[in-house]
Every structure is written in C-alpha cells, then in structure tokens.
C-alpha cells in the first residue's frame, strides 16, 4: 500500500497544499499532463493554483490540462496555456484521444466521494495509471469513503482497490473527511500548516 495521507485541520489548508503540489509539478516538469476532476469541492484549490501560477509565472506552453467529469473549466483560461491543450474528458477513450501514443498522465487529481469511480461515466483504467494520484476529500460526507479506501481489499478490481494498489498516491483530507480513520492514523498524518 502506497497511500500517503496528508490530513489538515481545515479545508483551506488542504486546498493550499493541493494547489502547491500542482504548481510544483508544473514548475518541475513544464511538459506535464494533468487530469483535474471538475468538482465544486476542488474549486478553491484550483483558484489557489491559478493565483499562484499568475503570481509566480512558470512556462505553461507545453502543459496539458484534461478536465474530468464536467463541461466547465473556463477558469483555466486565465492561465497561459494554449487553448487546444485544455480539454474536457469523460472516459479513458477521451483521455487516449488527447494523449500522444507514448504520453502518460503525470498527475491525476480526483475527488473522493460516495460515488467514487474515477471518471463518472466510462472506463477509468487508464486514468488510474497516472504516474501520480492526488485523491482529495473534504467534509464529513466523505469520511465513510475515506475509511473504505483505507480498508479496501488490494486483491479486488474496484476503483478504491486500484487507488490503494497505485505506487504513488497522496490522499489529501481535512479533519472532517478523516474523522472515521483510527485516531492513531489521524494523529500521525495530521499536519498543522500547509
């Protein structure tokens, strides 16, 4: 199991941490391909990311943003990414259509909720093969699914098992989302500042 939990007292701190990780990825690898789950829960983190990139410019000419599970994403036009490199994707088929043959997704950011399966419609197998996964959960409504992820049977073929089997996963939580994890786990993985 390669789950790396990052638990923060507040959603604000969790949002800042996620935004900082995405900015670092783009800064260190200007050819990054990112899949970002379009979800209201993640909106603030994406706003912080856009603000950070605009305040501390990085080369975005070769960055690809693939926006999952929604038709929105106009806010990402505020970044200096060529329009043809920002696409909405809803399945592995869409994902593969926008990737070059040897290209892989560097980072996938997915919201963990009670309906979690990666892409909301269609297959997610290729999505779960991203080099790095950031799984994000906020609020008490996500706490049961966070616990299910922690307890997931790694020999199964469920989306939670695929996440748990992934070699590089960071699970970013606020205190409410982590509330059903054992106390010693919460204490060990809780960070005071983003």
Protein backbone atom coordinates (compact mmCIF):
# COMPACT_ATOMS: atom_id res chain seq x y z
CA UNK A 1 0.00 0.00 0.00
CA UNK A 2 1.43 3.33 -1.03
CA UNK A 3 -1.24 5.60 0.42
CA UNK A 4 0.34 8.74 1.79
CA UNK A 5 -2.21 10.60 3.90
CA UNK A 6 -1.98 14.35 4.38
CA UNK A 7 -4.59 15.45 6.91
CA UNK A 8 -5.18 19.13 7.62
CA UNK A 9 -7.36 20.73 10.26
CA UNK A 10 -9.24 22.81 7.70
CA UNK A 11 -10.33 22.53 4.09
CA UNK A 12 -8.49 25.80 3.43
CA UNK A 13 -5.15 24.24 4.42
CA UNK A 14 -5.87 21.11 2.36
CA UNK A 15 -6.71 23.31 -0.65
CA UNK A 16 -3.46 25.25 -0.27
CA UNK A 17 -1.43 22.05 -0.06
CA UNK A 18 -3.01 20.60 -3.21
CA UNK A 19 -2.53 23.85 -5.14
CA UNK A 20 1.12 23.98 -4.07
CA UNK A 21 1.72 20.38 -5.17
CA UNK A 22 0.21 21.06 -8.59
CA UNK A 23 2.24 24.25 -9.01
CA UNK A 24 5.43 22.36 -8.12
CA UNK A 25 4.59 19.64 -10.65
CA UNK A 26 4.11 22.19 -13.42
CA UNK A 27 7.23 24.10 -12.40
CA UNK A 28 9.45 21.00 -12.27
CA UNK A 29 8.03 19.42 -15.42
CA UNK A 30 6.86 22.01 -17.97
CA UNK A 31 5.67 19.15 -20.22
CA UNK A 32 3.20 17.88 -17.60
CA UNK A 33 -0.13 16.34 -18.47
CA UNK A 34 -2.63 16.73 -15.64
CA UNK A 35 -6.15 15.37 -15.24
CA UNK A 36 -8.16 17.62 -12.94
CA UNK A 37 -11.53 16.47 -11.62
CA UNK A 38 -14.02 19.31 -12.09
CA UNK A 39 -15.84 19.25 -8.79
CA UNK A 40 -17.16 22.02 -6.57
CA UNK A 41 -15.15 20.59 -3.67
CA UNK A 42 -11.93 21.24 -5.58
CA UNK A 43 -12.79 24.74 -6.86
CA UNK A 44 -10.90 26.63 -4.15
CA UNK A 45 -7.75 24.55 -4.65
CA UNK A 46 -7.86 25.30 -8.39
CA UNK A 47 -8.41 29.00 -7.68
CA UNK A 48 -5.33 29.00 -5.41
CA UNK A 49 -3.34 27.21 -8.13
CA UNK A 50 -4.31 29.80 -10.74
CA UNK A 51 -3.44 32.62 -8.35
CA UNK A 52 -0.05 31.09 -7.52
CA UNK A 53 0.83 30.48 -11.17
CA UNK A 54 -0.17 34.03 -12.08
CA UNK A 55 1.85 35.47 -9.16
CA UNK A 56 4.88 33.24 -9.78
CA UNK A 57 4.87 32.59 -13.53
CA UNK A 58 6.02 29.26 -14.94
CA UNK A 59 6.31 28.10 -18.53
CA UNK A 60 2.93 26.59 -19.44
CA UNK A 61 3.41 26.36 -23.21
CA UNK A 62 3.58 22.54 -23.16
CA UNK A 63 1.31 21.78 -20.20
CA UNK A 64 -1.84 19.79 -20.99
CA UNK A 65 -4.89 20.07 -18.75
CA UNK A 66 -7.51 17.37 -19.17
CA UNK A 67 -10.61 18.33 -17.21
CA UNK A 68 -12.60 15.33 -15.99
CA UNK A 69 -16.25 14.79 -15.16
CA UNK A 70 -17.63 18.13 -16.28
CA UNK A 71 -18.03 20.55 -19.13
CA UNK A 72 -16.75 23.61 -17.30
CA UNK A 73 -13.23 24.75 -16.71
CA UNK A 74 -13.36 28.26 -18.13
CA UNK A 75 -11.34 29.46 -15.11
CA UNK A 76 -8.28 27.67 -16.51
CA UNK A 77 -8.31 30.03 -19.49
CA UNK A 78 -6.77 32.55 -17.07
CA UNK A 79 -3.57 30.50 -17.32
CA UNK A 80 -1.22 30.98 -20.23
CA UNK A 81 -1.94 27.51 -21.65
CA UNK A 82 -2.74 27.20 -25.36
CA UNK A 83 -6.47 26.65 -25.79
CA UNK A 84 -6.02 23.37 -27.69
CA UNK A 85 -4.16 21.94 -24.66
CA UNK A 86 -7.17 22.28 -22.33
CA UNK A 87 -9.74 19.56 -22.98
CA UNK A 88 -12.73 18.04 -21.22
CA UNK A 89 -12.55 14.26 -20.79
CA UNK A 90 -15.19 11.85 -19.52
CA UNK A 91 -13.65 8.42 -20.08
CA UNK A 92 -10.47 6.55 -20.94
CA UNK A 93 -11.47 6.85 -24.62
CA UNK A 94 -11.41 10.66 -24.35
CA UNK A 95 -8.16 10.51 -22.42
CA UNK A 96 -6.46 8.39 -25.06
CA UNK A 97 -7.77 10.61 -27.86
CA UNK A 98 -5.89 13.62 -26.44
CA UNK A 99 -2.65 11.86 -25.47
CA UNK A 100 0.17 11.10 -27.86
CA UNK A 101 0.96 7.38 -28.17
CA UNK A 102 3.80 7.33 -25.64
CA UNK A 103 2.44 10.11 -23.45
CA UNK A 104 1.18 9.36 -19.95
CA UNK A 105 -0.73 11.39 -17.43
CA UNK A 106 1.75 12.78 -14.91
CA UNK A 107 -0.79 13.69 -12.24
CA UNK A 108 -4.49 12.96 -11.79
CA UNK A 109 -6.47 14.86 -9.15
CA UNK A 110 -9.68 13.10 -8.17
CA UNK A 111 -12.36 13.98 -5.65
CA UNK A 112 -13.17 11.11 -3.29
CA UNK A 113 -16.89 10.93 -2.60
CA UNK A 114 -19.52 8.22 -2.03
CA UNK A 115 -19.81 7.70 -5.82
CA UNK A 116 -16.06 7.46 -6.42
CA UNK A 117 -15.05 5.57 -9.54
CA UNK A 118 -12.61 7.91 -11.31
CA UNK A 119 -14.45 9.00 -14.42
CA UNK A 120 -18.16 9.34 -13.61
CA UNK A 121 -19.05 7.63 -16.90
CA UNK A 122 -16.97 5.18 -18.85
CA UNK A 123 -13.84 3.22 -18.03
CA UNK A 124 -11.19 4.66 -15.70
CA UNK A 125 -8.43 2.05 -16.01
CA UNK A 126 -6.04 4.35 -17.89
CA UNK A 127 -6.85 7.23 -15.54
CA UNK A 128 -5.70 5.13 -12.58
CA UNK A 129 -2.39 4.52 -14.40
CA UNK A 130 -1.31 8.14 -13.99
CA UNK A 131 2.22 8.41 -12.64
CA UNK A 132 0.89 10.10 -9.50
CA UNK A 133 -2.59 10.33 -8.00
CA UNK A 134 -3.85 13.04 -5.69
CA UNK A 135 -7.07 11.87 -4.04
CA UNK A 136 -8.90 14.72 -2.31
CA UNK A 137 -11.72 14.53 0.22
CA UNK A 138 -13.36 17.19 2.33
CA UNK A 139 -16.20 17.22 4.82
CA UNK A 140 -17.87 14.57 6.95
CA UNK A 141 -19.85 13.33 3.93
CA UNK A 142 -16.63 11.85 2.53
CA UNK A 143 -15.47 10.21 5.78
CA UNK A 144 -17.10 6.84 5.11
CA UNK A 145 -15.50 6.58 1.66
CA UNK A 146 -12.12 7.58 3.11
CA UNK A 147 -12.46 4.69 5.56
CA UNK A 148 -13.45 2.35 2.70
CA UNK A 149 -10.34 3.42 0.80
CA UNK A 150 -8.17 2.69 3.83
CA UNK A 151 -9.80 -0.75 4.26
CA UNK A 152 -10.00 -1.59 0.53
CA UNK A 153 -9.02 -5.14 -0.40
CA UNK A 154 -5.99 -4.80 -2.66
CA UNK A 155 -6.81 -8.06 -4.46
CA UNK A 156 -10.11 -6.72 -5.80
CA UNK A 157 -10.74 -4.80 -9.02
CA UNK A 158 -12.75 -1.91 -7.54
CA UNK A 159 -11.79 1.75 -8.08
CA UNK A 160 -10.79 2.07 -4.41
CA UNK A 161 -8.60 -1.05 -4.68
CA UNK A 162 -6.94 0.34 -7.81
CA UNK A 163 -6.14 3.56 -5.96
CA UNK A 164 -4.79 1.66 -2.97
CA UNK A 165 -2.63 -0.51 -5.27
CA UNK A 166 -1.17 2.51 -7.07
CA UNK A 167 2.51 3.07 -6.33
CA UNK A 168 2.27 6.83 -5.75
CA UNK A 169 -0.87 8.19 -4.10
CA UNK A 170 -1.32 11.20 -1.86
CA UNK A 171 -4.67 11.32 -0.08
CA UNK A 172 -5.38 14.92 0.94
CA UNK A 173 -8.02 15.30 3.64
CA UNK A 174 -9.45 17.82 6.01
CA UNK A 175 -10.14 16.74 9.60
CA UNK A 176 -13.83 16.03 8.92
CA UNK A 177 -13.09 13.74 5.98
CA UNK A 178 -10.54 11.87 8.12
CA UNK A 179 -12.88 11.52 11.10
CA UNK A 180 -13.62 7.79 10.57
CA UNK A 181 -9.96 6.81 10.40
CA UNK A 182 -8.43 5.41 13.59
CA UNK A 183 -7.21 8.05 16.00
CA UNK A 184 -3.55 6.98 15.79
CA UNK A 185 -3.67 7.28 11.98
CA UNK A 186 -5.23 10.74 12.19
CA UNK A 187 -2.63 11.91 14.71
CA UNK A 188 0.31 10.53 12.71
CA UNK A 189 -0.76 12.04 9.38
CA UNK A 190 -2.11 15.41 10.59
CA UNK A 191 -0.15 18.48 9.53
CA UNK A 192 -0.57 21.85 11.21
CA UNK A 193 0.30 24.08 8.27
CA UNK A 194 0.02 23.74 4.51
